[in-house]
């Protein structure tokens, strides 16, 4: 970002051919695209190769302003309704001395995400990474938002890059991190990779799967017609702490009906009733 003829938090990387993505994504700075990360194994992207994040931070002269401190009142980011205002405030924030806390930067980043300006949010996130040298940096909250943005832009490969950045910065990914990655894999129809990642989460106890995570996996499998795998995860869910609800059962029953497996659908419906789970009625 340019301030007084100089760049704040900028970095230089060799750009690969990704012009169509840049044109469609838009944002406050250009995106880079190194060689895509392999996804045969969901964690194969976790390596020591984070050159994209290791650029020099060129700090501009920051101006101390007592008036700036009054900006950060409770819910200050909610008053921002367009990208230009968000970028302007970010530029103001990085010029402050001392810099605002990571909480304030996260609030601004979250506001940009809510505006569905995912490419711009990623640009801000990447710039925040290089503010770490002067006392801010990013935390797990910001990294989860970055993963979500990459997934919504159909760049799950970069989402896994941020997962590696979790470990590099000494943070442990949580259930939100893995649930977002799973959703991103299904969004790009990487079904086998999603199944493999979910099995790894369960078998290696990478996190405690939530009801929502199970529902995401089961729904994704049913949408591609892999009902048998969805039932397998339903049984795993029944044996664990998370119990299937009406929506999970109904998703599988609908998929069985679509596969013309009516007897199996009726059997699962009866099982649901016997367990005291009310049927899901659709209009």
Protein backbone atom coordinates (compact mmCIF):
# COMPACT_ATOMS: atom_id res chain seq x y z
CA UNK A 1 0.00 0.00 0.00
CA UNK A 2 1.37 3.35 -1.04
CA UNK A 3 1.73 6.15 1.47
CA UNK A 4 3.57 9.37 0.65
CA UNK A 5 5.20 7.75 -2.34
CA UNK A 6 6.40 4.75 -0.35
CA UNK A 7 4.96 1.28 0.28
CA UNK A 8 3.85 0.07 3.69
CA UNK A 9 4.00 -3.64 4.38
CA UNK A 10 4.71 -4.42 0.75
CA UNK A 11 6.57 -7.41 -0.55
CA UNK A 12 7.86 -8.56 -3.88
CA UNK A 13 7.47 -12.01 -5.34
CA UNK A 14 7.78 -13.32 -8.84
CA UNK A 15 4.29 -13.44 -10.31
CA UNK A 16 3.18 -16.50 -12.18
CA UNK A 17 0.45 -16.52 -14.77
CA UNK A 18 -2.73 -15.97 -12.85
CA UNK A 19 -4.21 -13.04 -14.69
CA UNK A 20 -7.73 -14.43 -14.91
CA UNK A 21 -7.88 -14.98 -11.15
CA UNK A 22 -6.60 -11.47 -10.47
CA UNK A 23 -9.12 -9.92 -12.83
CA UNK A 24 -12.03 -11.77 -11.27
CA UNK A 25 -10.96 -11.46 -7.64
CA UNK A 26 -10.11 -7.76 -7.51
CA UNK A 27 -8.74 -6.13 -4.37
CA UNK A 28 -6.35 -3.56 -3.06
CA UNK A 29 -3.19 -5.26 -4.28
CA UNK A 30 -2.17 -7.86 -6.84
CA UNK A 31 -2.11 -11.52 -5.87
CA UNK A 32 0.74 -13.85 -6.43
CA UNK A 33 0.56 -17.46 -7.52
CA UNK A 34 3.50 -19.76 -7.00
CA UNK A 35 3.38 -23.37 -8.07
CA UNK A 36 0.13 -24.95 -6.83
CA UNK A 37 0.56 -27.09 -3.76
CA UNK A 38 -0.17 -30.82 -4.09
CA UNK A 39 -3.40 -32.02 -2.56
CA UNK A 40 -3.04 -35.78 -2.84
CA UNK A 41 -2.58 -35.69 0.90
CA UNK A 42 -4.27 -32.77 2.62
CA UNK A 43 -1.23 -32.12 4.82
CA UNK A 44 1.34 -32.50 2.07
CA UNK A 45 1.41 -28.73 1.79
CA UNK A 46 2.78 -28.34 5.30
CA UNK A 47 6.47 -27.95 4.70
CA UNK A 48 9.23 -25.52 5.44
CA UNK A 49 8.71 -23.76 2.13
CA UNK A 50 7.05 -20.51 3.05
CA UNK A 51 9.13 -18.22 0.88
CA UNK A 52 6.02 -16.37 -0.12
CA UNK A 53 5.67 -15.15 3.43
CA UNK A 54 9.33 -14.33 3.96
CA UNK A 55 9.66 -10.92 2.32
CA UNK A 56 11.09 -7.75 3.80
CA UNK A 57 8.78 -5.30 5.46
CA UNK A 58 9.40 -1.78 4.24
CA UNK A 59 7.99 0.50 6.88
CA UNK A 60 7.13 4.06 6.04
CA UNK A 61 7.37 6.94 8.47
CA UNK A 62 4.51 6.59 10.90
CA UNK A 63 2.84 9.66 12.29
CA UNK A 64 1.73 9.74 15.86
CA UNK A 65 -1.70 11.27 16.26
CA UNK A 66 -3.67 11.54 19.44
CA UNK A 67 -6.86 11.91 17.39
CA UNK A 68 -6.29 8.53 15.75
CA UNK A 69 -6.64 6.75 19.07
CA UNK A 70 -10.25 7.83 19.30
CA UNK A 71 -11.10 5.83 16.18
CA UNK A 72 -11.04 2.49 17.95
CA UNK A 73 -14.20 2.57 19.97
CA UNK A 74 -16.28 -0.55 20.52
CA UNK A 75 -17.61 -1.77 17.18
CA UNK A 76 -15.68 0.88 15.23
CA UNK A 77 -15.43 -1.39 12.17
CA UNK A 78 -19.22 -1.75 11.91
CA UNK A 79 -19.45 1.80 10.63
CA UNK A 80 -17.42 0.89 7.54
CA UNK A 81 -19.68 0.15 4.58
CA UNK A 82 -17.41 0.19 1.55
CA UNK A 83 -13.96 -1.01 0.58
CA UNK A 84 -12.47 2.44 0.04
CA UNK A 85 -13.23 3.41 3.64
CA UNK A 86 -11.76 0.13 4.90
CA UNK A 87 -8.55 0.60 2.92
CA UNK A 88 -8.29 4.21 4.04
CA UNK A 89 -8.64 3.22 7.68
CA UNK A 90 -6.07 0.46 7.27
CA UNK A 91 -3.58 2.93 5.83
CA UNK A 92 -4.26 5.20 8.78
CA UNK A 93 -3.75 2.35 11.23
CA UNK A 94 -0.37 1.26 9.88
CA UNK A 95 0.91 4.83 10.19
CA UNK A 96 0.09 5.10 13.88
CA UNK A 97 2.75 5.00 16.52
CA UNK A 98 2.37 2.80 18.41
CA UNK A 99 0.42 0.51 16.10
CA UNK A 100 -3.10 -0.54 17.13
CA UNK A 101 -3.46 -4.00 18.62
CA UNK A 102 -4.01 -7.11 16.53
CA UNK A 103 -7.59 -7.12 17.85
CA UNK A 104 -8.32 -3.86 16.06
CA UNK A 105 -6.70 -5.09 12.87
CA UNK A 106 -8.77 -8.28 13.08
CA UNK A 107 -11.97 -6.29 13.50
CA UNK A 108 -11.19 -4.34 10.35
CA UNK A 109 -10.25 -7.54 8.50
CA UNK A 110 -13.47 -9.21 9.61
CA UNK A 111 -15.47 -6.26 8.34
CA UNK A 112 -13.89 -6.54 4.90
CA UNK A 113 -14.75 -10.25 4.85
CA UNK A 114 -18.36 -9.48 5.76
CA UNK A 115 -18.48 -7.13 2.78
CA UNK A 116 -17.53 -10.20 0.68
CA UNK A 117 -14.37 -8.44 -0.51
CA UNK A 118 -12.37 -11.64 -0.16
CA UNK A 119 -9.46 -10.68 -2.39
CA UNK A 120 -9.05 -7.38 -0.57
CA UNK A 121 -9.20 -9.17 2.77
CA UNK A 122 -6.39 -11.46 1.69
CA UNK A 123 -4.30 -8.47 0.63
CA UNK A 124 -4.81 -6.89 4.05
CA UNK A 125 -4.01 -10.18 5.78
CA UNK A 126 -0.76 -10.59 3.84
CA UNK A 127 0.23 -7.05 4.70
CA UNK A 128 -0.52 -7.73 8.37
CA UNK A 129 1.88 -10.67 8.26
CA UNK A 130 4.75 -8.26 7.72
CA UNK A 131 3.61 -5.91 10.45
CA UNK A 132 4.80 -8.60 12.86
CA UNK A 133 8.27 -7.13 12.70
CA UNK A 134 6.98 -3.98 14.37
CA UNK A 135 4.72 -5.50 16.98
CA UNK A 136 1.45 -6.64 15.37
CA UNK A 137 1.52 -9.67 13.05
CA UNK A 138 -1.40 -12.09 12.79
CA UNK A 139 -3.03 -14.57 15.14
CA UNK A 140 -5.16 -17.68 14.64
CA UNK A 141 -8.29 -15.55 14.19
CA UNK A 142 -6.79 -13.71 11.22
CA UNK A 143 -5.39 -16.90 9.73
CA UNK A 144 -8.79 -18.60 9.92
CA UNK A 145 -10.32 -15.66 8.08
CA UNK A 146 -7.61 -15.90 5.43
CA UNK A 147 -8.29 -19.62 4.93
CA UNK A 148 -12.00 -18.89 4.59
CA UNK A 149 -11.34 -16.22 1.96
CA UNK A 150 -9.07 -18.48 -0.05
CA UNK A 151 -11.71 -21.23 0.03
CA UNK A 152 -14.42 -18.83 -1.12
CA UNK A 153 -12.14 -17.81 -4.00
CA UNK A 154 -11.69 -21.51 -4.90
CA UNK A 155 -8.03 -21.46 -3.93
CA UNK A 156 -7.94 -24.29 -1.42
CA UNK A 157 -4.24 -24.79 -2.22
CA UNK A 158 -3.49 -21.41 -0.65
CA UNK A 159 -5.80 -22.26 2.22
CA UNK A 160 -3.51 -25.17 3.08
CA UNK A 161 -0.53 -22.82 2.82
CA UNK A 162 -2.02 -20.75 5.62
CA UNK A 163 -2.53 -23.96 7.60
CA UNK A 164 1.22 -24.48 7.42
CA UNK A 165 1.68 -20.91 8.58
CA UNK A 166 -0.24 -21.83 11.76
CA UNK A 167 2.56 -24.20 12.79
CA UNK A 168 5.29 -21.82 11.65
CA UNK A 169 3.94 -19.13 13.99
CA UNK A 170 3.41 -21.55 16.87
CA UNK A 171 -0.39 -21.75 16.72
CA UNK A 172 -2.47 -24.91 16.66
CA UNK A 173 -5.32 -25.06 14.14
CA UNK A 174 -8.73 -25.56 15.71
CA UNK A 175 -12.06 -27.02 14.67
CA UNK A 176 -12.92 -23.84 12.74
CA UNK A 177 -9.71 -24.17 10.73
CA UNK A 178 -10.36 -27.76 9.70
CA UNK A 179 -14.08 -27.27 9.10
CA UNK A 180 -13.29 -24.39 6.74
CA UNK A 181 -10.72 -26.48 4.86
CA UNK A 182 -13.19 -29.34 4.52
CA UNK A 183 -15.82 -27.00 3.15
CA UNK A 184 -13.27 -25.61 0.70
CA UNK A 185 -12.34 -29.09 -0.52
CA UNK A 186 -15.97 -29.99 -1.14
CA UNK A 187 -16.51 -26.64 -2.82
CA UNK A 188 -13.84 -27.56 -5.37
CA UNK A 189 -15.15 -31.15 -5.63
CA UNK A 190 -11.99 -32.61 -4.13
CA UNK A 191 -14.00 -35.38 -2.51
CA UNK A 192 -11.24 -37.92 -1.90
CA UNK A 193 -9.02 -35.28 -0.31
CA UNK A 194 -11.89 -34.16 1.93
CA UNK A 195 -12.54 -37.74 3.07
CA UNK A 196 -8.85 -38.28 3.70
CA UNK A 197 -8.53 -35.09 5.72
CA UNK A 198 -11.60 -35.90 7.81
CA UNK A 199 -10.35 -39.41 8.55
CA UNK A 200 -7.02 -37.90 9.59
CA UNK A 201 -8.79 -35.46 11.91
CA UNK A 202 -10.66 -38.33 13.58
CA UNK A 203 -7.89 -40.95 13.69
CA UNK A 204 -5.10 -38.62 14.77
CA UNK A 205 -7.37 -36.49 16.97
CA UNK A 206 -6.20 -33.26 15.37
CA UNK A 207 -9.24 -31.57 16.89
CA UNK A 208 -12.59 -32.52 18.37
CA UNK A 209 -15.00 -32.68 15.41
CA UNK A 210 -18.11 -30.60 15.89
CA UNK A 211 -21.68 -31.30 14.83
CA UNK A 212 -21.24 -28.75 12.05
CA UNK A 213 -18.09 -30.44 10.77
CA UNK A 214 -19.82 -33.82 10.54
CA UNK A 215 -22.81 -32.20 8.84
CA UNK A 216 -20.49 -30.48 6.31
CA UNK A 217 -18.80 -33.76 5.40
CA UNK A 218 -22.03 -35.76 5.19
CA UNK A 219 -23.74 -33.08 3.11
CA UNK A 220 -20.76 -32.83 0.77
CA UNK A 221 -20.64 -36.59 0.24
CA UNK A 222 -24.36 -36.81 -0.42
CA UNK A 223 -24.23 -33.99 -2.97
CA UNK A 224 -21.79 -36.00 -5.09
CA UNK A 225 -23.76 -39.23 -4.67
CA UNK A 226 -21.36 -40.94 -2.25
CA UNK A 227 -24.12 -41.95 0.14
CA UNK A 228 -22.32 -45.05 1.41
CA UNK A 229 -19.44 -42.96 2.72
CA UNK A 230 -21.94 -40.53 4.26
CA UNK A 231 -23.57 -43.40 6.16
CA UNK A 232 -20.15 -44.57 7.33
CA UNK A 233 -19.48 -41.17 8.86
CA UNK A 234 -23.00 -41.16 10.32
CA UNK A 235 -22.11 -44.34 12.24
CA UNK A 236 -18.84 -42.77 13.42
CA UNK A 237 -20.82 -39.75 14.56
CA UNK A 238 -23.26 -41.94 16.51
CA UNK A 239 -20.38 -43.59 18.40
CA UNK A 240 -18.79 -40.28 19.36
CA UNK A 241 -19.74 -37.24 21.37
CA UNK A 242 -21.53 -35.54 18.47
CA UNK A 243 -24.93 -37.01 17.77
CA UNK A 244 -26.70 -36.73 14.41
CA UNK A 245 -29.77 -34.54 14.29
CA UNK A 246 -32.78 -34.27 12.00
CA UNK A 247 -30.86 -32.43 9.29
CA UNK A 248 -28.08 -35.03 9.11
CA UNK A 249 -30.53 -37.94 8.88
CA UNK A 250 -32.70 -36.10 6.36
CA UNK A 251 -29.69 -35.30 4.17
CA UNK A 252 -28.79 -38.98 3.92
CA UNK A 253 -32.41 -40.09 3.46
CA UNK A 254 -32.83 -37.63 0.59
CA UNK A 255 -29.63 -38.92 -0.99
CA UNK A 256 -30.78 -42.52 -0.69
CA UNK A 257 -34.08 -41.63 -2.34
CA UNK A 258 -32.23 -39.87 -5.16
CA UNK A 259 -30.22 -43.07 -5.63
CA UNK A 260 -33.52 -45.01 -5.73
CA UNK A 261 -32.53 -46.91 -2.60
CA UNK A 262 -36.00 -46.55 -1.10
CA UNK A 263 -35.82 -49.52 1.27
CA UNK A 264 -32.60 -48.21 2.82
CA UNK A 265 -34.13 -44.75 3.10
CA UNK A 266 -37.21 -46.11 4.90
CA UNK A 267 -35.02 -48.17 7.24
CA UNK A 268 -32.96 -45.11 8.15
CA UNK A 269 -36.14 -43.09 8.63
CA UNK A 270 -37.49 -45.72 11.04
CA UNK A 271 -34.16 -45.71 12.87
CA UNK A 272 -34.40 -41.96 13.26
CA UNK A 273 -37.92 -42.18 14.69
CA UNK A 274 -36.93 -44.98 17.09
CA UNK A 275 -34.18 -42.76 18.46
CA UNK A 276 -36.67 -40.01 19.17
CA UNK A 277 -35.38 -37.67 16.48
CA UNK A 278 -38.30 -35.80 14.91
CA UNK A 279 -38.68 -36.03 11.13
CA UNK A 280 -37.69 -33.05 9.04
CA UNK A 281 -40.71 -31.83 7.12
CA UNK A 282 -40.11 -29.91 3.91
CA UNK A 283 -42.65 -27.63 2.26
